[in-house]
Amino acid sequence: MPYRIEYSANNRAACKGAKPCKGTKIKKGEMRLGTLVEIQGNQSFAYRHYGCITSQVIRNIKEKDGITDPVDLDGFEELIPADQAKLRRAFAEGHVAEEDIPDSARVKDDPESVEDADQKEAAEAVLPPSSASAESPTKKKRG
């Protein structure tokens, strides 16, 4: 089976979901989805947080792999009933519920970075675009 849903047994696996979550550790006990991958002839699972399962991943599981019911995912029976219900709902709706998306997957609205972006945008509106030739003098060719 190319997918496995389970609880993380340790804190070693890194999330393979989209940025900004990609690379963050999946903590012990957190629900995760494993996708079977083959690297140099060896099979292993690449994991992502349950909340990092995108609508595209759910679509691929359904359409490409023919798994239309989450009951058919390896490990489903081992989940607690509340998590089974979450997974059923995600499959039915085609996406994970907003409240299940981990904080590590959310883009932070840092007031300083927003202010910097506003200042940069204002400067670009006032100043003419600079050309590459004006920024750095051309080097003389040695012959």
N, C-alpha and C. Protein backbone atom coordinates (compact mmCIF):
# COMPACT_ATOMS: atom_id res chain seq x y z
N MET A 1 0.85 -1.18 0.00
CA MET A 1 0.00 0.00 0.00
C MET A 1 0.89 1.24 0.00
N PRO A 2 0.63 2.20 -0.89
CA PRO A 2 1.52 3.35 -1.02
C PRO A 2 1.35 4.43 0.07
N TYR A 3 0.37 4.28 0.96
CA TYR A 3 0.15 5.28 2.01
C TYR A 3 -0.05 4.60 3.34
N ARG A 4 0.33 5.31 4.40
CA ARG A 4 0.10 4.82 5.76
C ARG A 4 -0.25 6.01 6.63
N ILE A 5 -1.36 5.88 7.39
CA ILE A 5 -1.77 6.91 8.34
C ILE A 5 -1.47 6.34 9.73
N GLU A 6 -0.81 7.13 10.56
CA GLU A 6 -0.41 6.61 11.87
C GLU A 6 -0.04 7.75 12.80
N TYR A 7 0.27 7.38 14.03
CA TYR A 7 0.79 8.33 15.00
C TYR A 7 2.31 8.19 15.01
N SER A 8 3.00 9.30 15.06
CA SER A 8 4.45 9.28 15.05
C SER A 8 4.97 8.56 16.30
N ALA A 9 5.89 7.62 16.07
CA ALA A 9 6.44 6.83 17.18
C ALA A 9 7.56 7.57 17.90
N ASN A 10 8.12 8.61 17.27
CA ASN A 10 9.23 9.35 17.87
C ASN A 10 9.25 10.77 17.31
N ASN A 11 10.31 11.50 17.58
CA ASN A 11 10.41 12.89 17.11
C ASN A 11 11.40 13.04 15.95
N ARG A 12 11.67 11.96 15.22
CA ARG A 12 12.73 12.02 14.21
C ARG A 12 12.26 12.46 12.83
N ALA A 13 11.06 12.09 12.41
CA ALA A 13 10.61 12.37 11.04
C ALA A 13 10.39 13.86 10.82
N ALA A 14 10.83 14.33 9.66
CA ALA A 14 10.61 15.72 9.27
C ALA A 14 9.45 15.76 8.30
N CYS A 15 8.63 16.78 8.40
CA CYS A 15 7.47 16.94 7.52
C CYS A 15 7.93 17.21 6.09
N LYS A 16 7.31 16.52 5.15
CA LYS A 16 7.60 16.71 3.74
C LYS A 16 6.52 17.55 3.06
N GLY A 17 5.71 18.23 3.87
CA GLY A 17 4.67 19.09 3.35
C GLY A 17 5.25 20.35 2.74
N ALA A 18 4.38 21.25 2.37
CA ALA A 18 4.79 22.50 1.74
C ALA A 18 5.46 23.44 2.75
N LYS A 19 6.19 24.42 2.22
CA LYS A 19 6.76 25.45 3.08
C LYS A 19 5.64 26.26 3.66
N PRO A 20 5.72 26.79 4.83
CA PRO A 20 6.86 26.87 5.70
C PRO A 20 7.04 25.66 6.61
N CYS A 21 6.18 24.68 6.55
CA CYS A 21 6.25 23.54 7.46
C CYS A 21 7.32 22.53 7.06
N LYS A 22 7.65 22.48 5.80
CA LYS A 22 8.60 21.48 5.30
C LYS A 22 9.87 21.48 6.14
N GLY A 23 10.23 20.30 6.63
CA GLY A 23 11.44 20.15 7.43
C GLY A 23 11.23 20.23 8.92
N THR A 24 10.07 20.70 9.38
CA THR A 24 9.83 20.75 10.83
C THR A 24 9.57 19.32 11.32
N LYS A 25 9.92 19.07 12.54
CA LYS A 25 9.78 17.72 13.11
C LYS A 25 8.32 17.40 13.41
N ILE A 26 7.97 16.15 13.18
CA ILE A 26 6.64 15.65 13.54
C ILE A 26 6.81 15.03 14.92
N LYS A 27 6.16 15.60 15.91
CA LYS A 27 6.36 15.18 17.29
C LYS A 27 5.72 13.82 17.58
N LYS A 28 6.27 13.15 18.55
CA LYS A 28 5.77 11.85 18.96
C LYS A 28 4.28 11.95 19.30
N GLY A 29 3.50 11.05 18.75
CA GLY A 29 2.07 11.00 19.03
C GLY A 29 1.22 11.78 18.05
N GLU A 30 1.83 12.62 17.19
CA GLU A 30 1.06 13.39 16.21
C GLU A 30 0.66 12.49 15.04
N MET A 31 -0.55 12.70 14.54
CA MET A 31 -1.02 11.93 13.39
C MET A 31 -0.27 12.40 12.15
N ARG A 32 0.14 11.43 11.33
CA ARG A 32 0.91 11.75 10.13
C ARG A 32 0.53 10.80 8.99
N LEU A 33 0.77 11.27 7.77
CA LEU A 33 0.54 10.46 6.59
C LEU A 33 1.88 10.13 5.96
N GLY A 34 2.11 8.84 5.75
CA GLY A 34 3.33 8.40 5.09
C GLY A 34 3.05 8.04 3.64
N THR A 35 3.92 8.48 2.75
CA THR A 35 3.83 8.14 1.33
C THR A 35 5.04 7.27 1.01
N LEU A 36 4.79 6.11 0.43
CA LEU A 36 5.87 5.18 0.11
C LEU A 36 6.75 5.77 -0.99
N VAL A 37 8.05 5.81 -0.72
CA VAL A 37 9.02 6.31 -1.69
C VAL A 37 10.13 5.27 -1.84
N GLU A 38 10.77 5.30 -2.99
CA GLU A 38 11.90 4.40 -3.22
C GLU A 38 13.13 5.24 -3.49
N ILE A 39 14.18 4.98 -2.70
CA ILE A 39 15.43 5.71 -2.85
C ILE A 39 16.55 4.68 -3.00
N GLN A 40 17.20 4.70 -4.13
CA GLN A 40 18.30 3.79 -4.45
C GLN A 40 17.93 2.33 -4.17
N GLY A 41 16.75 1.96 -4.59
CA GLY A 41 16.30 0.57 -4.45
C GLY A 41 15.72 0.21 -3.09
N ASN A 42 15.73 1.14 -2.14
CA ASN A 42 15.18 0.88 -0.82
C ASN A 42 13.86 1.62 -0.66
N GLN A 43 12.88 0.96 -0.08
CA GLN A 43 11.59 1.60 0.15
C GLN A 43 11.51 2.15 1.57
N SER A 44 10.88 3.31 1.67
CA SER A 44 10.69 3.97 2.95
C SER A 44 9.46 4.87 2.84
N PHE A 45 9.08 5.49 3.94
CA PHE A 45 7.96 6.42 3.92
C PHE A 45 8.46 7.85 4.09
N ALA A 46 7.88 8.76 3.33
CA ALA A 46 8.10 10.19 3.51
C ALA A 46 6.84 10.70 4.22
N TYR A 47 7.01 11.32 5.37
CA TYR A 47 5.87 11.70 6.20
C TYR A 47 5.56 13.19 6.11
N ARG A 48 4.30 13.50 6.36
CA ARG A 48 3.86 14.88 6.53
C ARG A 48 2.84 14.88 7.66
N HIS A 49 2.76 16.02 8.37
CA HIS A 49 1.73 16.16 9.40
C HIS A 49 0.36 15.88 8.78
N TYR A 50 -0.56 15.38 9.56
CA TYR A 50 -1.92 15.20 9.05
C TYR A 50 -2.44 16.53 8.49
N GLY A 51 -2.20 17.61 9.20
CA GLY A 51 -2.68 18.93 8.78
C GLY A 51 -1.98 19.47 7.54
N CYS A 52 -0.91 18.83 7.11
CA CYS A 52 -0.19 19.26 5.90
C CYS A 52 -0.61 18.47 4.67
N ILE A 53 -1.63 17.64 4.83
CA ILE A 53 -2.17 16.92 3.68
C ILE A 53 -2.97 17.93 2.86
N THR A 54 -2.57 18.15 1.64
CA THR A 54 -3.23 19.13 0.78
C THR A 54 -4.40 18.49 0.04
N SER A 55 -5.22 19.32 -0.54
CA SER A 55 -6.34 18.80 -1.34
C SER A 55 -5.80 18.01 -2.54
N GLN A 56 -4.64 18.40 -3.06
CA GLN A 56 -4.02 17.68 -4.18
C GLN A 56 -3.61 16.27 -3.75
N VAL A 57 -3.09 16.12 -2.54
CA VAL A 57 -2.70 14.81 -2.03
C VAL A 57 -3.94 13.93 -1.92
N ILE A 58 -5.01 14.47 -1.36
CA ILE A 58 -6.25 13.70 -1.23
C ILE A 58 -6.77 13.30 -2.60
N ARG A 59 -6.72 14.23 -3.56
CA ARG A 59 -7.16 13.94 -4.93
C ARG A 59 -6.32 12.82 -5.55
N ASN A 60 -5.00 12.87 -5.34
CA ASN A 60 -4.12 11.83 -5.88
C ASN A 60 -4.41 10.47 -5.26
N ILE A 61 -4.64 10.45 -3.96
CA ILE A 61 -4.95 9.18 -3.29
C ILE A 61 -6.22 8.59 -3.89
N LYS A 62 -7.20 9.45 -4.12
CA LYS A 62 -8.48 8.98 -4.66
C LYS A 62 -8.38 8.58 -6.13
N GLU A 63 -7.83 9.47 -6.96
CA GLU A 63 -7.86 9.27 -8.40
C GLU A 63 -6.74 8.36 -8.91
N LYS A 64 -5.53 8.60 -8.48
CA LYS A 64 -4.40 7.83 -9.01
C LYS A 64 -4.25 6.48 -8.34
N ASP A 65 -4.58 6.41 -7.05
CA ASP A 65 -4.38 5.17 -6.32
C ASP A 65 -5.69 4.42 -6.05
N GLY A 66 -6.81 5.03 -6.40
CA GLY A 66 -8.10 4.36 -6.28
C GLY A 66 -8.58 4.12 -4.85
N ILE A 67 -8.04 4.88 -3.90
CA ILE A 67 -8.47 4.75 -2.50
C ILE A 67 -9.50 5.83 -2.24
N THR A 68 -10.77 5.49 -2.36
CA THR A 68 -11.83 6.48 -2.21
C THR A 68 -12.37 6.56 -0.79
N ASP A 69 -12.05 5.56 0.02
CA ASP A 69 -12.52 5.52 1.40
C ASP A 69 -11.29 5.43 2.31
N PRO A 70 -11.14 6.34 3.27
CA PRO A 70 -9.96 6.32 4.14
C PRO A 70 -9.82 5.02 4.94
N VAL A 71 -10.89 4.26 5.06
CA VAL A 71 -10.82 2.97 5.75
C VAL A 71 -9.80 2.06 5.06
N ASP A 72 -9.59 2.28 3.77
CA ASP A 72 -8.67 1.46 3.00
C ASP A 72 -7.20 1.87 3.15
N LEU A 73 -6.95 2.97 3.86
CA LEU A 73 -5.57 3.38 4.12
C LEU A 73 -4.96 2.47 5.19
N ASP A 74 -3.73 2.06 4.97
CA ASP A 74 -3.03 1.25 5.95
C ASP A 74 -2.92 2.04 7.26
N GLY A 75 -3.27 1.42 8.36
CA GLY A 75 -3.18 2.05 9.68
C GLY A 75 -4.45 2.72 10.15
N PHE A 76 -5.46 2.84 9.29
CA PHE A 76 -6.69 3.54 9.66
C PHE A 76 -7.34 2.92 10.90
N GLU A 77 -7.36 1.59 10.96
CA GLU A 77 -8.02 0.90 12.08
C GLU A 77 -7.35 1.19 13.42
N GLU A 78 -6.07 1.58 13.38
CA GLU A 78 -5.32 1.83 14.61
C GLU A 78 -5.53 3.24 15.16
N LEU A 79 -6.20 4.10 14.39
CA LEU A 79 -6.46 5.47 14.86
C LEU A 79 -7.61 5.47 15.85
N ILE A 80 -7.58 6.46 16.76
CA ILE A 80 -8.71 6.61 17.69
C ILE A 80 -9.93 7.09 16.88
N PRO A 81 -11.13 6.80 17.35
CA PRO A 81 -12.34 7.17 16.60
C PRO A 81 -12.42 8.65 16.20
N ALA A 82 -11.98 9.55 17.05
CA ALA A 82 -12.04 10.98 16.72
C ALA A 82 -11.16 11.30 15.51
N ASP A 83 -9.99 10.69 15.44
CA ASP A 83 -9.09 10.92 14.31
C ASP A 83 -9.59 10.21 13.05
N GLN A 84 -10.23 9.07 13.22
CA GLN A 84 -10.85 8.41 12.07
C GLN A 84 -11.92 9.32 11.47
N ALA A 85 -12.70 9.97 12.34
CA ALA A 85 -13.75 10.87 11.87
C ALA A 85 -13.15 12.08 11.14
N LYS A 86 -12.03 12.62 11.65
CA LYS A 86 -11.35 13.74 10.99
C LYS A 86 -10.93 13.34 9.58
N LEU A 87 -10.35 12.16 9.46
CA LEU A 87 -9.86 11.69 8.17
C LEU A 87 -11.02 11.44 7.20
N ARG A 88 -12.10 10.87 7.71
CA ARG A 88 -13.29 10.66 6.86
C ARG A 88 -13.81 12.00 6.34
N ARG A 89 -13.87 12.98 7.24
CA ARG A 89 -14.36 14.30 6.86
C ARG A 89 -13.45 14.95 5.81
N ALA A 90 -12.14 14.81 5.99
CA ALA A 90 -11.19 15.38 5.02
C ALA A 90 -11.38 14.74 3.65
N PHE A 91 -11.59 13.44 3.62
CA PHE A 91 -11.81 12.75 2.34
C PHE A 91 -13.13 13.20 1.71
N ALA A 92 -14.15 13.36 2.53
CA ALA A 92 -15.47 13.76 2.01
C ALA A 92 -15.44 15.19 1.47
N GLU A 93 -14.75 16.09 2.18
CA GLU A 93 -14.71 17.50 1.79
C GLU A 93 -13.58 17.80 0.79
N GLY A 94 -12.62 16.90 0.70
CA GLY A 94 -11.51 17.10 -0.23
C GLY A 94 -10.36 17.92 0.33
N HIS A 95 -10.42 18.25 1.62
CA HIS A 95 -9.34 19.00 2.26
C HIS A 95 -9.39 18.80 3.77
N VAL A 96 -8.27 19.06 4.41
CA VAL A 96 -8.16 18.97 5.86
C VAL A 96 -8.82 20.21 6.47
N ALA A 97 -9.47 20.04 7.59
CA ALA A 97 -10.12 21.17 8.27
C ALA A 97 -9.08 22.22 8.70
N GLU A 98 -9.45 23.46 8.61
CA GLU A 98 -8.58 24.59 8.97
C GLU A 98 -7.97 24.42 10.36
N GLU A 99 -8.75 23.96 11.32
CA GLU A 99 -8.26 23.84 12.70
C GLU A 99 -7.23 22.72 12.86
N ASP A 100 -7.08 21.85 11.86
CA ASP A 100 -6.12 20.76 11.94
C ASP A 100 -4.77 21.11 11.31
N ILE A 101 -4.67 22.27 10.69
CA ILE A 101 -3.42 22.69 10.08
C ILE A 101 -2.49 23.15 11.20
N PRO A 102 -1.27 22.57 11.29
CA PRO A 102 -0.37 22.94 12.39
C PRO A 102 0.13 24.37 12.25
N ASP A 103 0.50 24.96 13.38
CA ASP A 103 1.03 26.33 13.37
C ASP A 103 2.26 26.45 12.48
N SER A 104 3.05 25.37 12.43
CA SER A 104 4.28 25.39 11.62
C SER A 104 3.98 25.51 10.13
N ALA A 105 2.75 25.21 9.73
CA ALA A 105 2.37 25.29 8.31
C ALA A 105 1.71 26.61 7.95
N ARG A 106 1.50 27.43 8.93
CA ARG A 106 0.83 28.72 8.69
C ARG A 106 1.87 29.80 8.44
N VAL A 107 1.61 30.65 7.47
CA VAL A 107 2.51 31.76 7.17
C VAL A 107 2.30 32.81 8.26
N LYS A 108 3.41 33.19 8.85
CA LYS A 108 3.34 34.16 9.95
C LYS A 108 3.21 35.56 9.38
N ASP A 109 2.31 36.34 9.93
CA ASP A 109 2.18 37.76 9.56
C ASP A 109 2.99 38.56 10.56
N ASP A 110 4.28 38.70 10.28
CA ASP A 110 5.19 39.43 11.15
C ASP A 110 5.01 40.93 10.87
N PRO A 111 4.61 41.71 11.88
CA PRO A 111 4.38 43.14 11.66
C PRO A 111 5.60 43.84 11.07
N GLU A 112 6.82 43.45 11.48
CA GLU A 112 8.01 44.10 10.95
C GLU A 112 8.19 43.80 9.47
N SER A 113 7.96 42.52 9.07
CA SER A 113 8.14 42.18 7.66
C SER A 113 7.06 42.82 6.80
N VAL A 114 5.87 42.98 7.34
CA VAL A 114 4.80 43.66 6.62
C VAL A 114 5.17 45.12 6.44
N GLU A 115 5.72 45.74 7.50
CA GLU A 115 6.13 47.14 7.42
C GLU A 115 7.26 47.30 6.41
N ASP A 116 8.25 46.38 6.42
CA ASP A 116 9.35 46.43 5.45
C ASP A 116 8.83 46.30 4.03
N ALA A 117 7.88 45.41 3.82
CA ALA A 117 7.30 45.21 2.49
C ALA A 117 6.56 46.47 2.04
N ASP A 118 5.85 47.11 2.97
CA ASP A 118 5.15 48.35 2.64
C ASP A 118 6.14 49.45 2.26
N GLN A 119 7.25 49.53 3.01
CA GLN A 119 8.25 50.54 2.70
C GLN A 119 8.91 50.27 1.35
N LYS A 120 9.19 49.02 1.05
CA LYS A 120 9.80 48.66 -0.22
C LYS A 120 8.85 48.98 -1.37
N GLU A 121 7.58 48.66 -1.18
CA GLU A 121 6.58 48.94 -2.21
C GLU A 121 6.47 50.45 -2.45
N ALA A 122 6.48 51.23 -1.38
CA ALA A 122 6.39 52.69 -1.51
C ALA A 122 7.62 53.24 -2.24
N ALA A 123 8.80 52.71 -1.91
CA ALA A 123 10.03 53.17 -2.56
C ALA A 123 10.02 52.84 -4.05
N GLU A 124 9.53 51.66 -4.39
CA GLU A 124 9.46 51.25 -5.80
C GLU A 124 8.49 52.14 -6.58
N ALA A 125 7.46 52.61 -5.92
CA ALA A 125 6.48 53.46 -6.59
C ALA A 125 7.06 54.85 -6.88
N VAL A 126 7.98 55.30 -6.01
CA VAL A 126 8.54 56.64 -6.15
C VAL A 126 9.81 56.65 -6.99
N LEU A 127 10.68 55.68 -6.76
CA LEU A 127 11.96 55.65 -7.45
C LEU A 127 11.86 54.95 -8.80
N PRO A 128 12.59 55.42 -9.78
CA PRO A 128 12.58 54.73 -11.07
C PRO A 128 13.32 53.40 -10.93
N PRO A 129 12.95 52.42 -11.73
CA PRO A 129 13.63 51.12 -11.64
C PRO A 129 15.09 51.29 -12.02
N SER A 130 15.94 50.60 -11.27
CA SER A 130 17.37 50.71 -11.55
C SER A 130 17.75 49.63 -12.55
N SER A 131 18.68 49.97 -13.42
CA SER A 131 19.13 48.98 -14.39
C SER A 131 20.37 48.29 -13.87
N ALA A 132 20.63 47.11 -14.37
CA ALA A 132 21.78 46.33 -13.92
C ALA A 132 23.08 47.03 -14.27
N SER A 133 23.10 47.72 -15.42
CA SER A 133 24.33 48.39 -15.84
C SER A 133 24.64 49.59 -14.95
N ALA A 134 23.62 50.23 -14.43
CA ALA A 134 23.84 51.39 -13.58
C ALA A 134 24.30 50.97 -12.19
N GLU A 135 23.90 49.78 -11.75
CA GLU A 135 24.24 49.34 -10.42
C GLU A 135 25.68 48.89 -10.32
N SER A 136 26.18 48.16 -11.31
CA SER A 136 27.54 47.67 -11.24
C SER A 136 28.29 48.05 -12.51
N PRO A 137 29.45 48.68 -12.35
CA PRO A 137 30.20 49.06 -13.54
C PRO A 137 30.69 47.80 -14.25
N THR A 138 30.80 47.92 -15.58
CA THR A 138 31.27 46.78 -16.34
C THR A 138 32.76 46.62 -16.15
N LYS A 139 33.20 45.36 -16.11
CA LYS A 139 34.62 45.08 -15.93
C LYS A 139 35.33 45.18 -17.27
N LYS A 140 36.56 45.67 -17.21
CA LYS A 140 37.36 45.73 -18.42
C LYS A 140 37.88 44.35 -18.75
N LYS A 141 37.88 44.03 -20.01
CA LYS A 141 38.40 42.75 -20.43
C LYS A 141 39.92 42.84 -20.52
N ARG A 142 40.53 41.81 -20.04
CA ARG A 142 41.99 41.77 -20.14
C ARG A 142 42.35 40.98 -21.39
N GLY A 143 43.32 41.41 -22.09
CA GLY A 143 43.63 40.79 -23.34
C GLY A 143 44.92 40.17 -23.40
